[in-house]
N, C-alpha and C. Protein backbone atom coordinates (compact mmCIF):
# COMPACT_ATOMS: atom_id res chain seq x y z
N MET A 1 80.58 127.64 95.85
CA MET A 1 80.44 128.89 96.59
C MET A 1 81.02 129.19 97.68
N ALA A 2 81.76 129.91 98.75
CA ALA A 2 81.61 130.16 100.54
C ALA A 2 81.32 132.02 100.87
N VAL A 3 79.97 132.52 101.40
CA VAL A 3 80.03 133.73 101.98
C VAL A 3 81.29 133.22 103.44
N ILE A 4 81.94 134.92 103.22
CA ILE A 4 82.80 134.40 104.95
C ILE A 4 82.31 135.84 105.69
N ILE A 5 81.94 136.06 106.78
CA ILE A 5 81.88 137.45 107.20
C ILE A 5 83.26 137.35 108.63
N GLN A 6 83.88 139.05 108.27
CA GLN A 6 84.25 138.87 109.16
C GLN A 6 84.13 139.80 110.15
N CYS A 7 84.56 139.63 111.09
CA CYS A 7 84.51 140.74 112.80
C CYS A 7 84.58 140.53 113.69
N GLY A 8 85.91 141.44 113.45
CA GLY A 8 87.40 141.68 114.23
C GLY A 8 88.42 140.26 113.50
N ASP A 9 88.37 139.63 114.61
CA ASP A 9 89.65 138.26 114.03
C ASP A 9 88.70 137.12 113.69
N LYS A 10 87.21 137.51 113.85
CA LYS A 10 86.51 135.58 113.79
C LYS A 10 86.15 135.66 112.66
N PHE A 11 86.05 134.85 112.11
CA PHE A 11 84.55 134.74 111.64
C PHE A 11 84.12 134.23 111.16
N SER A 12 82.69 134.49 110.81
CA SER A 12 81.75 134.07 110.60
C SER A 12 81.89 133.08 108.58
N ILE A 13 81.01 131.72 108.71
CA ILE A 13 81.48 131.35 106.98
C ILE A 13 80.34 130.40 107.05
N ALA A 14 79.78 130.16 105.24
CA ALA A 14 77.85 129.76 104.95
C ALA A 14 79.02 128.35 104.97
N ALA A 15 80.32 127.78 104.56
CA ALA A 15 80.79 126.68 104.12
C ALA A 15 82.30 126.52 104.36
N GLY A 16 82.42 124.82 104.15
CA GLY A 16 84.11 125.16 104.46
C GLY A 16 85.25 125.90 103.32
N VAL A 17 86.59 126.63 103.95
CA VAL A 17 86.70 126.71 103.37
C VAL A 17 88.06 127.78 104.19
N ASP A 18 89.90 127.54 103.20
CA ASP A 18 91.06 127.06 103.71
C ASP A 18 91.36 129.18 103.75
N LEU A 19 92.05 129.66 104.59
CA LEU A 19 92.00 130.76 104.80
C LEU A 19 93.97 130.75 105.60
N LYS A 20 94.48 132.07 104.74
CA LYS A 20 95.93 132.56 104.89
C LYS A 20 95.83 133.63 105.53
N ASN A 21 96.35 133.67 106.40
CA ASN A 21 96.87 134.56 107.47
C ASN A 21 97.60 135.78 107.08
N SER A 22 98.23 136.15 107.71
CA SER A 22 99.56 137.12 107.21
C SER A 22 100.80 136.66 107.47
N GLY A 23 101.02 135.66 108.26
CA GLY A 23 102.33 134.84 108.65
C GLY A 23 102.39 134.04 107.06
N GLY A 24 101.32 133.28 106.55
CA GLY A 24 101.34 132.25 105.86
C GLY A 24 100.38 131.02 106.00
N ASP A 25 100.35 130.80 108.00
CA ASP A 25 99.38 129.66 107.71
C ASP A 25 97.82 129.74 107.61
N THR A 26 97.52 128.57 107.40
CA THR A 26 96.06 127.79 106.33
C THR A 26 96.15 126.99 107.23
N TRP A 27 94.48 128.77 107.65
CA TRP A 27 93.86 127.80 108.78
C TRP A 27 92.52 127.82 107.50
N SER A 28 92.08 126.14 108.30
CA SER A 28 90.08 125.46 108.10
C SER A 28 89.36 126.09 108.72
N MET A 29 88.71 127.79 108.02
CA MET A 29 87.13 127.85 109.03
C MET A 29 85.74 126.50 108.51
N THR A 30 84.96 125.73 109.32
CA THR A 30 83.83 124.70 109.96
C THR A 30 83.11 125.90 110.00
N THR A 31 81.58 125.70 110.13
CA THR A 31 80.69 125.82 110.91
C THR A 31 79.98 124.67 110.91
N ARG A 32 79.16 124.38 112.61
CA ARG A 32 78.51 123.38 113.49
C ARG A 32 77.43 124.20 113.53
N GLY A 33 76.31 123.91 113.12
CA GLY A 33 75.00 125.05 113.39
C GLY A 33 75.35 126.37 113.46
N ASP A 34 76.05 127.44 114.94
CA ASP A 34 75.74 128.49 114.24
C ASP A 34 77.49 129.02 114.99
N LEU A 35 77.27 128.01 115.83
CA LEU A 35 79.14 128.63 115.27
C LEU A 35 80.36 128.81 114.26
N ALA A 36 81.07 129.59 114.04
CA ALA A 36 81.94 129.23 113.55
C ALA A 36 83.84 129.21 114.47
N MET A 37 84.10 128.25 113.60
CA MET A 37 85.30 127.75 114.15
C MET A 37 86.91 127.88 113.33
N ARG A 38 88.00 127.59 114.49
CA ARG A 38 89.41 128.13 113.12
C ARG A 38 90.02 126.32 114.03
N ARG A 39 90.34 125.50 112.78
CA ARG A 39 90.95 124.84 112.63
C ARG A 39 92.71 124.74 112.64
N ILE A 40 93.49 123.93 113.65
CA ILE A 40 94.50 124.14 112.77
C ILE A 40 95.50 123.51 113.65
N THR A 41 95.92 122.50 112.52
CA THR A 41 97.00 120.92 113.64
C THR A 41 96.99 120.85 114.32
N LEU A 42 97.60 120.82 115.54
CA LEU A 42 97.71 120.91 117.18
C LEU A 42 99.42 121.24 116.85
N GLY A 43 100.64 121.11 115.65
CA GLY A 43 101.51 121.80 116.49
C GLY A 43 101.40 122.91 116.17
N GLN A 44 100.30 123.84 114.80
CA GLN A 44 100.51 124.97 115.49
C GLN A 44 99.89 125.26 116.71
N PHE A 45 98.28 124.76 117.10
CA PHE A 45 98.40 124.21 117.96
C PHE A 45 99.35 125.20 119.45
N ALA A 46 99.98 124.10 119.66
CA ALA A 46 100.99 123.98 120.59
C ALA A 46 102.45 125.00 120.85
N ASN A 47 102.49 125.20 119.66
CA ASN A 47 103.54 126.11 119.36
C ASN A 47 102.04 127.80 119.54
N GLU A 48 101.03 128.05 119.79
CA GLU A 48 100.69 129.00 119.64
C GLU A 48 99.87 129.56 121.69
N LYS A 49 100.05 127.96 121.63
CA LYS A 49 100.04 127.82 122.95
C LYS A 49 100.86 127.67 124.17
N GLY A 50 101.84 126.75 123.89
CA GLY A 50 102.90 126.19 124.41
C GLY A 50 101.75 124.89 125.09
N GLN A 51 103.28 123.82 125.32
CA GLN A 51 102.99 123.44 124.91
C GLN A 51 101.87 121.65 126.55
N THR A 52 101.98 123.55 127.48
CA THR A 52 100.83 122.58 128.52
C THR A 52 100.35 123.46 128.82
N LYS A 53 99.62 124.24 128.50
CA LYS A 53 98.58 125.07 128.65
C LYS A 53 97.68 123.87 127.22
N ALA A 54 98.23 124.19 126.24
CA ALA A 54 98.09 122.95 124.56
C ALA A 54 97.19 121.63 125.39
N ALA A 55 98.22 121.19 125.78
CA ALA A 55 97.08 119.88 126.72
C ALA A 55 95.98 120.11 127.48
N GLY A 56 96.73 121.73 128.27
CA GLY A 56 95.43 121.00 129.99
C GLY A 56 93.79 121.54 128.80
N PHE A 57 94.19 122.38 128.09
CA PHE A 57 92.86 123.19 127.55
C PHE A 57 92.01 121.59 126.34
N LEU A 58 93.50 120.76 126.19
CA LEU A 58 92.68 119.56 125.17
C LEU A 58 92.02 118.81 126.63
N GLY A 59 92.15 118.23 127.36
CA GLY A 59 92.57 117.17 128.76
C GLY A 59 93.34 116.34 128.62
N MET A 60 94.21 116.23 128.21
CA MET A 60 95.76 115.97 129.06
C MET A 60 96.76 116.06 128.94
N SER A 61 97.45 115.12 129.28
CA SER A 61 98.96 115.96 130.00
C SER A 61 100.05 116.15 128.77
N GLN A 62 100.84 117.17 128.89
CA GLN A 62 101.95 117.35 128.13
C GLN A 62 102.79 116.15 127.62
N SER A 63 103.14 115.28 128.07
CA SER A 63 104.28 114.62 127.44
C SER A 63 103.10 113.70 126.52
N ALA A 64 102.23 113.22 126.72
CA ALA A 64 100.65 112.90 125.18
C ALA A 64 100.50 112.97 124.01
N LEU A 65 100.98 114.86 124.64
CA LEU A 65 100.60 115.18 123.28
C LEU A 65 102.11 115.66 122.55
N ASN A 66 103.26 115.84 123.71
CA ASN A 66 104.05 115.82 122.62
C ASN A 66 104.97 114.65 122.28
N LYS A 67 104.63 113.91 122.75
CA LYS A 67 104.28 112.17 122.13
C LYS A 67 103.28 111.85 120.66
N ALA A 68 102.37 112.88 120.13
CA ALA A 68 101.62 112.62 119.04
C ALA A 68 102.37 113.42 118.03
N LEU A 69 102.98 114.45 118.82
CA LEU A 69 103.43 115.92 117.54
C LEU A 69 104.80 114.95 117.79
N GLN A 70 105.96 114.17 118.33
CA GLN A 70 106.57 113.51 117.84
C GLN A 70 106.68 112.28 117.18
N VAL A 71 105.04 111.68 116.77
CA VAL A 71 105.18 110.88 115.78
C VAL A 71 104.65 110.87 114.32
N GLY A 72 104.07 112.25 114.74
CA GLY A 72 102.83 112.70 113.75
C GLY A 72 102.08 112.33 113.37
N ARG A 73 101.25 112.26 114.71
CA ARG A 73 99.58 112.11 114.35
C ARG A 73 99.24 113.14 113.40
N GLU A 74 98.16 113.09 112.71
CA GLU A 74 97.31 114.11 111.86
C GLU A 74 96.09 115.05 112.57
N ILE A 75 96.87 115.10 113.68
CA ILE A 75 95.44 115.48 114.38
C ILE A 75 95.58 117.37 113.96
N PHE A 76 93.95 117.38 114.04
CA PHE A 76 93.96 119.31 114.44
C PHE A 76 92.54 119.50 115.62
N VAL A 77 92.97 121.00 115.90
CA VAL A 77 92.38 121.66 117.23
C VAL A 77 91.14 122.43 116.48
N ILE A 78 90.31 122.21 117.23
CA ILE A 78 89.27 123.03 116.19
C ILE A 78 88.70 123.77 117.16
N GLU A 79 88.74 125.46 117.73
CA GLU A 79 88.52 126.56 118.64
C GLU A 79 87.06 126.28 118.88
N SER A 80 86.43 127.38 118.40
CA SER A 80 84.75 127.30 118.59
C SER A 80 84.96 128.16 119.35
N ASP A 81 83.28 129.30 118.72
CA ASP A 81 83.33 131.04 118.82
C ASP A 81 82.54 130.33 120.89
N ASP A 82 82.38 130.31 121.49
CA ASP A 82 82.68 130.06 122.70
C ASP A 82 83.63 129.57 123.81
N GLY A 83 85.24 130.05 122.64
CA GLY A 83 86.14 129.45 122.96
C GLY A 83 86.70 128.35 123.55
N GLY A 84 85.75 127.59 123.52
CA GLY A 84 86.24 125.63 123.62
C GLY A 84 87.07 125.15 122.94
N PHE A 85 87.88 123.63 123.24
CA PHE A 85 88.77 123.70 122.01
C PHE A 85 88.42 122.26 121.78
N SER A 86 88.44 122.14 120.64
CA SER A 86 87.96 120.08 120.86
C SER A 86 89.09 119.52 120.09
N ALA A 87 89.70 118.41 119.54
CA ALA A 87 90.72 117.56 118.62
C ALA A 87 89.95 116.67 118.13
N GLU A 88 90.60 116.45 116.76
CA GLU A 88 90.03 114.73 115.56
C GLU A 88 91.47 114.02 115.18
N GLU A 89 91.22 113.43 115.65
CA GLU A 89 92.10 112.65 114.54
C GLU A 89 91.91 112.51 113.09
N ILE A 90 92.77 112.49 112.03
CA ILE A 90 92.55 112.00 110.30
C ILE A 90 93.16 110.23 110.69
N ARG A 91 92.32 109.65 110.51
CA ARG A 91 93.12 107.74 110.11
C ARG A 91 92.80 107.19 108.84
N PRO A 92 93.61 106.58 108.59
CA PRO A 92 93.21 105.76 107.49
C PRO A 92 92.07 104.70 107.65
N PHE A 93 91.20 104.65 107.13
CA PHE A 93 89.96 103.93 107.04
C PHE A 93 89.79 102.41 105.92
N PRO A 94 90.02 101.35 106.78
CA PRO A 94 89.53 100.94 107.76
C PRO A 94 91.38 100.57 107.55
N SER A 95 90.85 100.99 109.77
CA SER A 95 92.43 100.87 109.91
C SER A 95 93.34 99.91 109.83
N GLN A 96 94.70 100.10 109.82
CA GLN A 96 95.79 98.54 109.08
C GLN A 96 96.59 98.98 110.66
N PRO A 97 96.07 96.80 111.53
CA PRO A 97 96.72 96.78 112.71
C PRO A 97 98.40 97.10 112.23
N GLN A 98 99.47 97.86 113.59
CA GLN A 98 100.98 97.76 113.22
C GLN A 98 101.66 96.29 113.07
N GLN A 99 102.72 96.12 112.18
CA GLN A 99 103.67 94.74 112.84
C GLN A 99 104.41 94.81 113.86
N LYS A 100 104.24 94.16 114.39
CA LYS A 100 104.66 93.58 115.65
C LYS A 100 106.40 93.38 115.44
N LYS A 101 107.55 94.35 116.12
CA LYS A 101 109.25 94.42 115.57
C LYS A 101 109.15 92.75 116.05
N SER A 102 109.72 91.63 115.36
CA SER A 102 110.29 90.58 116.19
C SER A 102 111.83 90.91 117.33
N ALA A 103 112.21 90.72 118.08
CA ALA A 103 113.44 90.71 118.94
C ALA A 103 114.85 89.81 118.40
N ALA A 104 114.65 89.73 116.67
CA ALA A 104 115.34 88.91 116.54
C ALA A 104 116.91 89.99 115.64
């Protein structure tokens, strides 16, 4: 069971939960210490902020962000209460090396 406290458009929660906004988007809310955070996909973040600004917030180039979107990497952006952004990628473990294509 999770306890959710809403203050304006910010949420504080006692455990990880998924929430849906009025537009039908799912936001995963998690907590680290006393900070409540909003967790969304990289694609959603880029759509909200625009690719150039989103890349700047994450400390990367727009072309790198675009490539991550194009190849379908499973990356989530976390917005903390203090206004900062971080990202994490979900990958299989152990990671399988990619097979090189032959030139034949």
